[in-house]
């Protein structure tokens, strides 16, 4: 058999082997990052439980565990396909370890797919330069933090960049299929519409300005023709019909329409953070912190903006689309922190495309030759500058990794959190009885260990607020110890609960008020939680 050298491989095969290498390196690195038996986001317990329920019982179409929220009226599994994709990992592991293994796998796969996207759409940069931009992305700690959470961000990004690639190369049938699947995969599927709209708008404007340059008349007609060009029309139809089919041909239809309105508009756009204690990811991202947490990317973007202004005529349409998407996701990241997972890779694509346009004109070898000449003429200065920048880049790149390493290894919610209290509740309460608890973010952990009982609020406090604002306010007043009068009667009559579960961390004043009231009896206690029973 004849041996095949690296030089003999086709370009596609070389890209495949580079992507495979990136995948396995990230698999090892992300595996080390996720080694601890804990989750940084309590929602991971919810996802693990849903995966387990689907595996054992089939599709979860009703959600009785939060009877006082809108989820009891119209629940949908907005991450249905993601949960299906995690099921194979439960063949080898328990649900908590399985979803961790899936997280590592999908995070590594996303980075490999992102590298493939750059190679396919920025070929002039070459494998080496594109690889540098992969390192730039991985040096941005907020993205590494987000894609390693045991939930759907990495899979969503993976699908999004495949979808963008299909839009760029006008693969209509595949775009329809991926659009359909995206609805099943992730509740944030409208981001694909943002990519589609930006691509069509930039392409149409480019054709329109070309018509202006050629001094063609009837500019309005030319603009209309540019927007509704046959190929762009087919892209719109392929994507929109795929998304619409995913919404309608759905086990949750038509309740999913109500849920999407709640999720996209009321939670995502309106955002009740001023009246509801929503999760940290829905709060604004401080501009200073965003720059400090992505120093290398921010510096690269400033440089690339200058290069863009200097030589804007050489930029491809994909570059302009990436710029539009970077600005859009940057703006909404300042409104809600969770969107940083989209801003960073879009910004990296923009920077890579700008650099690629320069390399297309001037090969990297010429830049190296110029650098070599400068080094030979100024050995001392060049060496000092090189050492300085090398140390600075290593420090800036590693700082975020050190922070993430500390977070993933020394903080978070242990797999065994609330297990003793959950066991006690299962053994001492009736099936379907409601347990009052001290905060909404305790629900996923309690739900995983004990779906025997029902609870008050969870996943997002907005779900309780939208069902009954007054009841949410009462829940907040009791759990925040803003009121101590007659809370036993309120919990029993208004919430239908006889037991009060309390996470002891930071709840000293609440526990003290219950102990002094005379209306509660302490029936369970350990280092992390207490359970009080209302005395009849």
Protein backbone atom coordinates (compact mmCIF):
# COMPACT_ATOMS: atom_id res chain seq x y z
CA UNK A 1 0.00 0.00 0.00
CA UNK A 2 1.34 3.40 -0.94
CA UNK A 3 1.87 5.84 1.93
CA UNK A 4 0.16 9.20 1.61
CA UNK A 5 2.07 12.25 2.83
CA UNK A 6 0.51 15.40 4.28
CA UNK A 7 1.31 17.27 1.06
CA UNK A 8 -0.65 14.73 -0.97
CA UNK A 9 -3.86 15.24 1.01
CA UNK A 10 -6.62 17.32 -0.52
CA UNK A 11 -7.52 20.65 1.06
CA UNK A 12 -10.77 19.24 2.48
CA UNK A 13 -8.94 16.35 4.14
CA UNK A 14 -6.39 18.74 5.65
CA UNK A 15 -9.20 20.85 7.08
CA UNK A 16 -10.79 17.69 8.49
CA UNK A 17 -7.59 16.63 10.27
CA UNK A 18 -7.00 20.13 11.63
CA UNK A 19 -10.57 20.25 12.98
CA UNK A 20 -10.16 16.78 14.48
CA UNK A 21 -7.00 17.91 16.23
CA UNK A 22 -8.76 21.00 17.60
CA UNK A 23 -11.65 18.82 18.79
CA UNK A 24 -9.48 16.40 20.74
CA UNK A 25 -7.32 19.12 22.30
CA UNK A 26 -10.45 20.97 23.46
CA UNK A 27 -11.93 17.69 24.67
CA UNK A 28 -8.98 17.21 27.02
CA UNK A 29 -8.85 20.84 28.17
CA UNK A 30 -12.60 21.18 28.74
CA UNK A 31 -12.66 17.76 30.39
CA UNK A 32 -10.10 18.97 32.93
CA UNK A 33 -12.10 22.17 33.46
CA UNK A 34 -15.29 20.18 34.16
CA UNK A 35 -13.71 17.48 36.31
CA UNK A 36 -15.38 18.45 39.58
CA UNK A 37 -18.72 16.88 40.54
CA UNK A 38 -20.58 20.17 40.65
CA UNK A 39 -22.46 22.62 38.44
CA UNK A 40 -21.99 26.37 38.30
CA UNK A 41 -25.56 26.83 37.08
CA UNK A 42 -28.33 25.13 39.08
CA UNK A 43 -30.40 24.86 35.87
CA UNK A 44 -28.08 21.98 34.93
CA UNK A 45 -29.90 19.80 37.46
CA UNK A 46 -33.18 20.55 35.67
CA UNK A 47 -31.73 19.56 32.29
CA UNK A 48 -30.29 16.35 33.73
CA UNK A 49 -33.67 15.43 35.22
CA UNK A 50 -35.58 16.13 32.01
CA UNK A 51 -33.11 13.98 30.05
CA UNK A 52 -33.64 11.18 32.57
CA UNK A 53 -37.44 11.51 32.37
CA UNK A 54 -37.41 11.45 28.54
CA UNK A 55 -35.14 8.40 28.56
CA UNK A 56 -37.35 6.51 31.01
CA UNK A 57 -40.85 7.79 30.27
CA UNK A 58 -40.85 9.52 26.87
CA UNK A 59 -41.54 13.13 25.93
CA UNK A 60 -42.37 15.40 28.87
CA UNK A 61 -45.48 17.30 27.75
CA UNK A 62 -46.79 18.47 31.14
CA UNK A 63 -44.99 20.12 34.02
CA UNK A 64 -47.02 19.82 37.24
CA UNK A 65 -44.01 20.46 39.50
CA UNK A 66 -44.59 24.23 39.44
CA UNK A 67 -48.40 24.40 39.76
CA UNK A 68 -48.54 28.10 40.64
CA UNK A 69 -46.65 29.24 37.51
CA UNK A 70 -47.55 29.58 33.84
CA UNK A 71 -45.54 26.41 33.18
CA UNK A 72 -48.45 24.48 34.65
CA UNK A 73 -50.68 25.99 31.95
CA UNK A 74 -48.41 25.75 28.91
CA UNK A 75 -45.11 23.96 29.38
CA UNK A 76 -42.83 23.18 26.46
CA UNK A 77 -39.41 21.58 26.46
CA UNK A 78 -37.66 24.37 24.58
CA UNK A 79 -34.41 22.32 24.59
CA UNK A 80 -36.05 19.10 23.41
CA UNK A 81 -33.48 18.12 20.75
CA UNK A 82 -30.63 19.06 23.09
CA UNK A 83 -32.06 16.71 25.71
CA UNK A 84 -32.37 13.96 23.09
CA UNK A 85 -28.71 14.46 22.11
CA UNK A 86 -27.65 14.03 25.74
CA UNK A 87 -29.49 10.70 26.19
CA UNK A 88 -26.69 8.55 24.66
CA UNK A 89 -24.33 9.77 27.37
CA UNK A 90 -26.67 8.32 30.01
CA UNK A 91 -25.92 4.86 28.65
CA UNK A 92 -22.49 5.05 30.26
CA UNK A 93 -23.03 7.52 33.11
CA UNK A 94 -25.64 8.62 35.62
CA UNK A 95 -27.63 11.72 34.55
CA UNK A 96 -25.39 14.26 36.32
CA UNK A 97 -22.10 12.84 35.08
CA UNK A 98 -23.68 12.16 31.69
CA UNK A 99 -24.73 15.74 31.09
CA UNK A 100 -21.24 16.86 32.17
CA UNK A 101 -19.67 14.51 29.61
CA UNK A 102 -22.10 15.78 26.96
CA UNK A 103 -21.16 19.37 27.82
CA UNK A 104 -17.46 18.69 27.29
CA UNK A 105 -18.17 16.87 24.02
CA UNK A 106 -20.43 19.60 22.59
CA UNK A 107 -18.16 22.45 23.71
CA UNK A 108 -15.18 20.80 21.97
CA UNK A 109 -17.30 20.06 18.91
CA UNK A 110 -18.42 23.70 18.70
CA UNK A 111 -14.81 24.94 18.67
CA UNK A 112 -13.96 22.42 15.93
CA UNK A 113 -17.02 23.47 13.88
CA UNK A 114 -16.09 27.14 14.37
CA UNK A 115 -12.59 26.40 13.05
CA UNK A 116 -14.16 24.57 10.09
CA UNK A 117 -16.37 27.63 9.47
CA UNK A 118 -13.31 29.90 9.34
CA UNK A 119 -11.43 27.54 7.05
CA UNK A 120 -14.35 27.30 4.64
CA UNK A 121 -15.25 31.00 4.60
CA UNK A 122 -11.88 32.63 5.22
CA UNK A 123 -9.52 30.39 3.19
CA UNK A 124 -7.10 33.17 2.30
CA UNK A 125 -6.01 33.38 5.94
CA UNK A 126 -4.80 29.79 5.88
CA UNK A 127 -4.89 27.12 8.56
CA UNK A 128 -2.28 28.83 10.73
CA UNK A 129 -3.83 32.28 10.92
CA UNK A 130 -7.33 30.89 11.41
CA UNK A 131 -5.96 28.74 14.22
CA UNK A 132 -4.64 31.89 15.89
CA UNK A 133 -8.18 33.26 15.88
CA UNK A 134 -9.39 30.04 17.52
CA UNK A 135 -6.89 30.75 20.29
CA UNK A 136 -8.13 34.34 20.44
CA UNK A 137 -11.68 33.09 20.95
CA UNK A 138 -10.60 30.63 23.64
CA UNK A 139 -8.69 33.42 25.39
CA UNK A 140 -12.04 35.19 25.89
CA UNK A 141 -13.06 33.83 29.29
CA UNK A 142 -16.81 34.71 29.16
CA UNK A 143 -17.30 32.44 26.15
CA UNK A 144 -15.33 29.56 27.70
CA UNK A 145 -17.43 30.00 30.83
CA UNK A 146 -20.72 29.90 28.91
CA UNK A 147 -20.03 26.95 26.58
CA UNK A 148 -18.89 24.81 29.51
CA UNK A 149 -22.13 25.26 31.43
CA UNK A 150 -24.12 22.01 31.46
CA UNK A 151 -26.88 23.37 29.27
CA UNK A 152 -27.47 24.21 25.59
CA UNK A 153 -25.20 27.20 24.62
CA UNK A 154 -22.46 25.16 22.92
CA UNK A 155 -24.95 23.11 20.86
CA UNK A 156 -26.86 26.26 19.92
CA UNK A 157 -23.70 27.98 18.67
CA UNK A 158 -22.74 24.86 16.76
CA UNK A 159 -26.07 24.86 14.90
CA UNK A 160 -25.96 28.63 14.39
CA UNK A 161 -22.62 28.61 12.59
CA UNK A 162 -23.61 25.66 10.44
CA UNK A 163 -26.77 27.59 9.58
CA UNK A 164 -24.74 30.69 8.72
CA UNK A 165 -22.49 28.60 6.48
CA UNK A 166 -25.57 27.25 4.68
CA UNK A 167 -26.84 30.81 4.19
CA UNK A 168 -23.49 31.99 2.78
CA UNK A 169 -23.32 29.11 0.32
CA UNK A 170 -27.06 29.10 -0.45
CA UNK A 171 -27.73 25.47 0.49
CA UNK A 172 -31.51 25.85 0.52
CA UNK A 173 -32.60 22.31 1.38
CA UNK A 174 -30.06 21.91 4.15
CA UNK A 175 -30.98 25.34 5.50
CA UNK A 176 -34.63 24.27 5.71
CA UNK A 177 -33.65 21.12 7.62
CA UNK A 178 -31.32 22.90 10.06
CA UNK A 179 -33.88 25.66 10.64
CA UNK A 180 -36.48 23.03 11.47
CA UNK A 181 -34.09 21.25 13.85
CA UNK A 182 -32.99 24.51 15.49
CA UNK A 183 -36.53 25.12 16.78
CA UNK A 184 -36.45 21.71 18.45
CA UNK A 185 -32.92 22.26 19.75
CA UNK A 186 -33.00 25.57 21.55
CA UNK A 187 -35.48 28.19 22.64
CA UNK A 188 -33.22 30.96 21.31
CA UNK A 189 -33.72 29.90 17.68
CA UNK A 190 -34.73 33.44 16.52
CA UNK A 191 -31.00 34.31 16.48
CA UNK A 192 -30.89 32.45 13.16
CA UNK A 193 -33.32 35.04 11.81
CA UNK A 194 -30.88 37.76 12.88
CA UNK A 195 -28.09 36.06 10.90
CA UNK A 196 -30.38 35.56 7.89
CA UNK A 197 -31.66 39.15 7.97
CA UNK A 198 -28.15 40.59 8.30
CA UNK A 199 -26.86 38.46 5.41
CA UNK A 200 -29.70 39.43 3.09
CA UNK A 201 -29.53 43.12 3.99
CA UNK A 202 -25.76 43.39 3.52
CA UNK A 203 -25.87 41.48 0.22
CA UNK A 204 -28.77 43.59 -1.05
CA UNK A 205 -27.05 46.85 -0.10
CA UNK A 206 -23.87 45.70 -1.83
CA UNK A 207 -25.79 45.06 -5.06
CA UNK A 208 -27.63 48.35 -4.69
CA UNK A 209 -24.43 50.40 -4.26
CA UNK A 210 -22.93 48.59 -7.21
CA UNK A 211 -25.93 49.69 -9.28
CA UNK A 212 -25.43 53.27 -8.04
CA UNK A 213 -21.75 53.10 -8.98
CA UNK A 214 -22.70 51.93 -12.45
CA UNK A 215 -25.03 54.96 -12.62
CA UNK A 216 -28.09 52.89 -13.30
CA UNK A 217 -31.40 54.67 -13.10
CA UNK A 218 -34.51 53.78 -11.10
CA UNK A 219 -32.66 53.36 -7.81
CA UNK A 220 -35.80 52.41 -5.87
CA UNK A 221 -36.52 49.64 -8.33
CA UNK A 222 -32.91 48.49 -8.20
CA UNK A 223 -33.03 48.35 -4.41
CA UNK A 224 -36.28 46.37 -4.50
CA UNK A 225 -34.77 43.96 -7.01
CA UNK A 226 -31.65 43.63 -4.87
CA UNK A 227 -33.64 42.75 -1.75
CA UNK A 228 -35.96 40.35 -3.54
CA UNK A 229 -33.35 38.73 -5.71
CA UNK A 230 -34.36 35.14 -6.53
CA UNK A 231 -31.52 33.59 -4.54
CA UNK A 232 -32.19 35.75 -1.49
CA UNK A 233 -35.90 35.03 -1.78
CA UNK A 234 -35.16 31.30 -1.77
CA UNK A 235 -32.95 31.74 1.31
CA UNK A 236 -35.75 33.55 3.14
CA UNK A 237 -38.30 30.93 2.16
CA UNK A 238 -36.03 28.04 3.12
CA UNK A 239 -35.22 29.45 6.55
CA UNK A 240 -38.65 30.82 7.42
CA UNK A 241 -40.54 27.73 6.30
CA UNK A 242 -38.10 25.54 8.22
CA UNK A 243 -38.59 27.58 11.40
CA UNK A 244 -42.37 27.71 10.89
CA UNK A 245 -42.49 23.95 10.35
CA UNK A 246 -40.50 23.47 13.54
CA UNK A 247 -43.02 25.55 15.46
CA UNK A 248 -46.14 23.94 13.99
CA UNK A 249 -45.01 20.31 13.55
CA UNK A 250 -44.22 20.16 17.22
CA UNK A 251 -45.47 18.03 20.14
CA UNK A 252 -46.07 21.26 22.07
CA UNK A 253 -48.08 23.14 19.44
CA UNK A 254 -49.97 25.48 19.93
CA UNK A 255 -48.84 26.07 23.54
CA UNK A 256 -45.31 26.70 22.28
CA UNK A 257 -46.48 29.95 20.67
CA UNK A 258 -47.57 31.30 24.07
CA UNK A 259 -44.31 30.11 25.59
CA UNK A 260 -42.17 31.72 22.87
CA UNK A 261 -43.98 35.02 23.38
CA UNK A 262 -43.26 34.77 27.09
CA UNK A 263 -39.63 33.72 26.57
CA UNK A 264 -38.62 36.00 23.69
CA UNK A 265 -40.60 39.16 24.28
CA UNK A 266 -41.54 39.31 27.94
CA UNK A 267 -38.37 37.76 29.41
CA UNK A 268 -35.80 38.37 26.65
CA UNK A 269 -36.82 41.83 25.40
CA UNK A 270 -38.95 43.48 28.09
CA UNK A 271 -37.07 41.73 30.91
CA UNK A 272 -38.72 42.18 34.33
CA UNK A 273 -35.43 42.58 36.22
CA UNK A 274 -36.70 45.75 37.91
CA UNK A 275 -39.67 43.97 39.48
CA UNK A 276 -38.50 40.33 39.55
CA UNK A 277 -35.26 38.90 40.95
CA UNK A 278 -34.16 37.29 37.69
CA UNK A 279 -30.91 35.38 37.20
CA UNK A 280 -27.59 37.18 36.79
CA UNK A 281 -27.42 36.34 33.08
CA UNK A 282 -30.37 38.66 32.39
CA UNK A 283 -28.65 41.66 33.99
CA UNK A 284 -26.65 44.19 31.93
CA UNK A 285 -22.98 43.56 31.16
CA UNK A 286 -20.88 46.44 32.42
CA UNK A 287 -18.92 47.83 29.45
CA UNK A 288 -15.70 48.14 31.45
CA UNK A 289 -15.95 44.56 32.69
CA UNK A 290 -16.64 43.29 29.18
CA UNK A 291 -13.44 44.88 27.89
CA UNK A 292 -11.40 43.71 30.88
CA UNK A 293 -12.64 40.13 30.50
CA UNK A 294 -11.88 40.06 26.75
CA UNK A 295 -8.68 42.16 26.55
CA UNK A 296 -7.06 40.42 23.58
CA UNK A 297 -10.27 40.31 21.56
CA UNK A 298 -11.02 43.97 22.35
CA UNK A 299 -7.53 45.01 21.26
CA UNK A 300 -7.83 42.91 18.08
CA UNK A 301 -11.20 44.49 17.27
CA UNK A 302 -9.83 48.02 17.62
CA UNK A 303 -6.99 47.15 15.25
CA UNK A 304 -9.32 45.42 12.77
CA UNK A 305 -11.72 48.38 12.77
CA UNK A 306 -8.79 50.58 11.74
CA UNK A 307 -7.79 48.12 9.02
CA UNK A 308 -11.40 48.03 7.83
CA UNK A 309 -11.57 51.82 7.53
CA UNK A 310 -8.23 51.99 5.73
CA UNK A 311 -9.08 49.33 3.20
CA UNK A 312 -12.84 48.85 3.20
CA UNK A 313 -13.01 48.14 -0.54
CA UNK A 314 -11.24 44.78 -0.19
CA UNK A 315 -13.66 43.38 2.38
CA UNK A 316 -15.97 40.50 1.50
CA UNK A 317 -19.70 40.51 2.13
CA UNK A 318 -19.20 37.98 4.93
CA UNK A 319 -16.95 40.51 6.66
CA UNK A 320 -19.68 43.13 6.61
CA UNK A 321 -22.26 40.64 7.84
CA UNK A 322 -19.92 39.67 10.67
CA UNK A 323 -19.51 43.37 11.53
CA UNK A 324 -23.29 43.90 11.64
CA UNK A 325 -23.75 40.80 13.81
CA UNK A 326 -20.90 41.81 16.12
CA UNK A 327 -22.43 45.25 16.68
CA UNK A 328 -25.91 43.77 17.22
CA UNK A 329 -24.82 41.14 19.74
CA UNK A 330 -22.49 43.61 21.44
CA UNK A 331 -25.44 45.96 21.96
CA UNK A 332 -27.75 43.32 23.41
CA UNK A 333 -24.93 41.91 25.55
CA UNK A 334 -24.81 45.28 27.28
CA UNK A 335 -28.52 44.70 28.04
CA UNK A 336 -28.29 41.03 29.09
CA UNK A 337 -25.06 39.20 29.91
CA UNK A 338 -26.17 35.89 28.42
CA UNK A 339 -25.73 37.15 24.86
CA UNK A 340 -21.96 37.40 25.28
CA UNK A 341 -21.80 33.80 23.98
CA UNK A 342 -22.90 35.16 20.57
CA UNK A 343 -20.97 38.43 20.61
CA UNK A 344 -17.53 36.88 21.10
CA UNK A 345 -17.52 34.35 18.22
CA UNK A 346 -19.16 36.87 15.86
CA UNK A 347 -16.46 39.40 16.75
CA UNK A 348 -13.75 36.78 16.16
CA UNK A 349 -15.21 36.01 12.71
CA UNK A 350 -15.15 39.72 11.86
CA UNK A 351 -11.52 40.10 12.96
CA UNK A 352 -10.46 36.94 11.11
CA UNK A 353 -12.16 38.09 7.89
CA UNK A 354 -10.49 41.51 8.00
CA UNK A 355 -7.06 39.94 8.51
CA UNK A 356 -7.83 37.38 5.82
CA UNK A 357 -8.51 40.14 3.30
CA UNK A 358 -5.02 41.54 3.89
CA UNK A 359 -3.34 38.15 3.67
CA UNK A 360 -5.17 37.55 0.39
CA UNK A 361 -3.25 40.49 -1.10
CA UNK A 362 0.02 40.02 0.75
CA UNK A 363 1.03 36.43 1.67
CA UNK A 364 2.15 35.79 5.28
CA UNK A 365 5.63 34.95 4.02
CA UNK A 366 6.14 38.57 3.00
CA UNK A 367 5.20 39.81 6.47
CA UNK A 368 7.63 37.32 8.00
CA UNK A 369 10.35 38.50 5.62
CA UNK A 370 9.80 42.12 6.66
CA UNK A 371 9.84 41.11 10.31
CA UNK A 372 13.08 39.22 9.78
CA UNK A 373 14.71 42.26 8.16
CA UNK A 374 13.60 44.45 11.07
CA UNK A 375 14.90 41.91 13.59
CA UNK A 376 18.33 41.70 11.90
CA UNK A 377 18.63 45.49 11.95
CA UNK A 378 17.37 45.99 15.50
CA UNK A 379 18.14 42.77 17.36
CA UNK A 380 18.00 44.16 20.89
CA UNK A 381 14.89 46.28 20.40
CA UNK A 382 13.08 43.52 18.48
CA UNK A 383 13.97 40.92 21.12
CA UNK A 384 12.77 43.12 23.96
CA UNK A 385 9.54 43.93 22.15
CA UNK A 386 8.99 40.27 21.31
CA UNK A 387 9.54 39.12 24.88
CA UNK A 388 7.35 41.90 26.25
CA UNK A 389 4.42 41.15 23.95
CA UNK A 390 4.77 37.40 24.44
CA UNK A 391 4.61 37.75 28.22
CA UNK A 392 1.76 40.28 28.02
CA UNK A 393 -0.31 38.06 25.72
CA UNK A 394 0.29 34.96 27.88
CA UNK A 395 -0.73 36.83 31.03
CA UNK A 396 -3.84 38.35 29.46
CA UNK A 397 -4.88 35.03 27.90
CA UNK A 398 -4.25 32.95 31.02
CA UNK A 399 -5.93 35.36 33.46
CA UNK A 400 -9.41 34.42 32.29
CA UNK A 401 -8.57 30.71 32.35
CA UNK A 402 -7.30 30.98 35.92
CA UNK A 403 -10.58 32.66 36.97
CA UNK A 404 -12.68 30.04 35.16
CA UNK A 405 -10.59 27.24 36.64
CA UNK A 406 -11.19 28.58 40.14
CA UNK A 407 -14.90 28.95 39.47
CA UNK A 408 -15.34 25.47 38.02
CA UNK A 409 -13.18 23.75 40.65
CA UNK A 410 -13.88 25.66 43.85
CA UNK A 411 -17.45 26.96 43.57
CA UNK A 412 -20.77 25.72 42.29
CA UNK A 413 -23.47 23.33 43.38
CA UNK A 414 -22.32 19.87 44.42
CA UNK A 415 -23.99 16.84 42.85
CA UNK A 416 -25.09 15.84 46.37
CA UNK A 417 -26.56 19.19 47.28
CA UNK A 418 -29.89 18.88 49.16
CA UNK A 419 -29.91 15.08 48.79
CA UNK A 420 -30.54 14.43 52.49
CA UNK A 421 -33.36 16.98 52.68
CA UNK A 422 -34.89 15.68 49.45
CA UNK A 423 -34.80 12.12 50.77
CA UNK A 424 -36.52 13.21 53.97
CA UNK A 425 -39.28 14.97 52.01
CA UNK A 426 -39.90 11.91 49.82
CA UNK A 427 -40.17 9.70 52.88
CA UNK A 428 -42.35 12.00 54.98
CA UNK A 429 -44.71 13.78 52.58
CA UNK A 430 -47.43 12.61 50.23
CA UNK A 431 -46.95 12.48 46.46
CA UNK A 432 -47.73 15.79 44.78
CA UNK A 433 -47.74 17.80 48.01
CA UNK A 434 -46.31 21.29 47.66
CA UNK A 435 -43.13 22.37 49.44
CA UNK A 436 -42.48 26.07 50.04
CA UNK A 437 -38.81 26.94 49.51
CA UNK A 438 -36.58 29.89 50.25
CA UNK A 439 -35.64 30.92 46.67
CA UNK A 440 -36.57 30.14 43.08
CA UNK A 441 -33.08 28.95 42.09
CA UNK A 442 -33.29 26.06 44.58
CA UNK A 443 -35.96 24.41 42.44
CA UNK A 444 -33.72 22.65 39.84
CA UNK A 445 -31.66 20.93 42.56
CA UNK A 446 -34.73 19.90 44.55
CA UNK A 447 -36.51 18.80 41.37
CA UNK A 448 -33.62 16.56 40.32
CA UNK A 449 -33.37 14.80 43.66
CA UNK A 450 -37.09 14.82 44.42
CA UNK A 451 -39.78 15.04 41.74
CA UNK A 452 -42.14 13.45 44.28
CA UNK A 453 -43.09 16.91 45.53
CA UNK A 454 -44.26 20.11 43.85
CA UNK A 455 -42.68 23.54 44.35
CA UNK A 456 -43.45 27.27 44.22
CA UNK A 457 -41.12 28.93 41.69
CA UNK A 458 -38.27 27.84 39.46
CA UNK A 459 -36.30 28.14 36.20
CA UNK A 460 -37.24 31.81 36.03
CA UNK A 461 -39.23 33.78 38.64
CA UNK A 462 -41.03 35.53 35.79
CA UNK A 463 -43.11 32.39 35.32
CA UNK A 464 -44.63 32.87 38.79
CA UNK A 465 -44.89 36.63 38.35
CA UNK A 466 -46.80 36.35 35.05
CA UNK A 467 -49.24 33.86 36.56
CA UNK A 468 -49.94 35.92 39.68
CA UNK A 469 -47.95 39.12 40.40
CA UNK A 470 -49.44 39.44 43.90
CA UNK A 471 -48.50 35.88 44.78
CA UNK A 472 -44.96 36.43 43.50
CA UNK A 473 -44.67 39.56 45.64
CA UNK A 474 -45.85 37.60 48.67
CA UNK A 475 -43.33 34.84 47.89
CA UNK A 476 -40.55 37.41 47.68
CA UNK A 477 -41.59 39.15 50.91
CA UNK A 478 -41.58 35.88 52.83
CA UNK A 479 -38.32 34.47 51.45
CA UNK A 480 -36.49 37.78 51.77
CA UNK A 481 -37.76 38.13 55.37
CA UNK A 482 -39.47 41.40 54.49
CA UNK A 483 -42.54 40.25 56.38
CA UNK A 484 -42.80 38.02 59.47
CA UNK A 485 -46.45 38.40 60.43
CA UNK A 486 -48.72 35.45 59.82
CA UNK A 487 -46.43 33.79 57.29
CA UNK A 488 -47.46 30.28 58.35
CA UNK A 489 -51.07 31.04 57.47
CA UNK A 490 -50.04 32.66 54.16
CA UNK A 491 -47.86 29.71 53.16
CA UNK A 492 -50.59 27.22 53.98
CA UNK A 493 -53.60 29.07 52.56
CA UNK A 494 -52.13 30.99 49.63
CA UNK A 495 -49.47 28.53 48.48
CA UNK A 496 -51.00 25.25 49.64
CA UNK A 497 -47.85 24.12 51.42
CA UNK A 498 -47.27 22.60 54.88
CA UNK A 499 -43.49 22.41 54.72
CA UNK A 500 -40.92 25.16 54.35
CA UNK A 501 -37.53 24.15 52.91
CA UNK A 502 -34.69 26.63 53.58
CA UNK A 503 -31.18 26.79 52.15
CA UNK A 504 -29.31 27.93 55.28
CA UNK A 505 -26.67 29.96 53.38
CA UNK A 506 -27.45 33.63 54.05
CA UNK A 507 -30.88 32.91 55.51
CA UNK A 508 -30.09 33.52 59.20
CA UNK A 509 -32.74 36.20 59.70
CA UNK A 510 -35.43 34.09 58.00
CA UNK A 511 -34.58 31.02 60.07
CA UNK A 512 -34.54 33.09 63.24
CA UNK A 513 -37.98 34.54 62.52
CA UNK A 514 -39.43 31.06 61.92
CA UNK A 515 -37.95 29.70 65.12
CA UNK A 516 -39.38 32.59 67.13
CA UNK A 517 -42.84 32.59 65.55
CA UNK A 518 -44.14 29.49 67.30
CA UNK A 519 -46.00 28.45 64.13
CA UNK A 520 -43.24 26.21 62.76
CA UNK A 521 -41.66 22.98 63.93
CA UNK A 522 -38.12 22.11 62.81
CA UNK A 523 -38.34 18.55 61.43
CA UNK A 524 -35.05 18.29 59.52
CA UNK A 525 -31.67 20.01 59.75
CA UNK A 526 -28.18 19.53 58.36
CA UNK A 527 -25.27 21.80 57.39
CA UNK A 528 -26.87 23.09 54.17
CA UNK A 529 -30.62 23.11 54.76
CA UNK A 530 -33.51 23.03 57.20
CA UNK A 531 -37.13 21.93 56.84
CA UNK A 532 -39.87 23.44 58.96
CA UNK A 533 -43.39 22.05 59.26
CA UNK A 534 -46.33 24.35 59.84
CA UNK A 535 -47.99 23.59 63.17
CA UNK A 536 -51.74 23.16 62.65
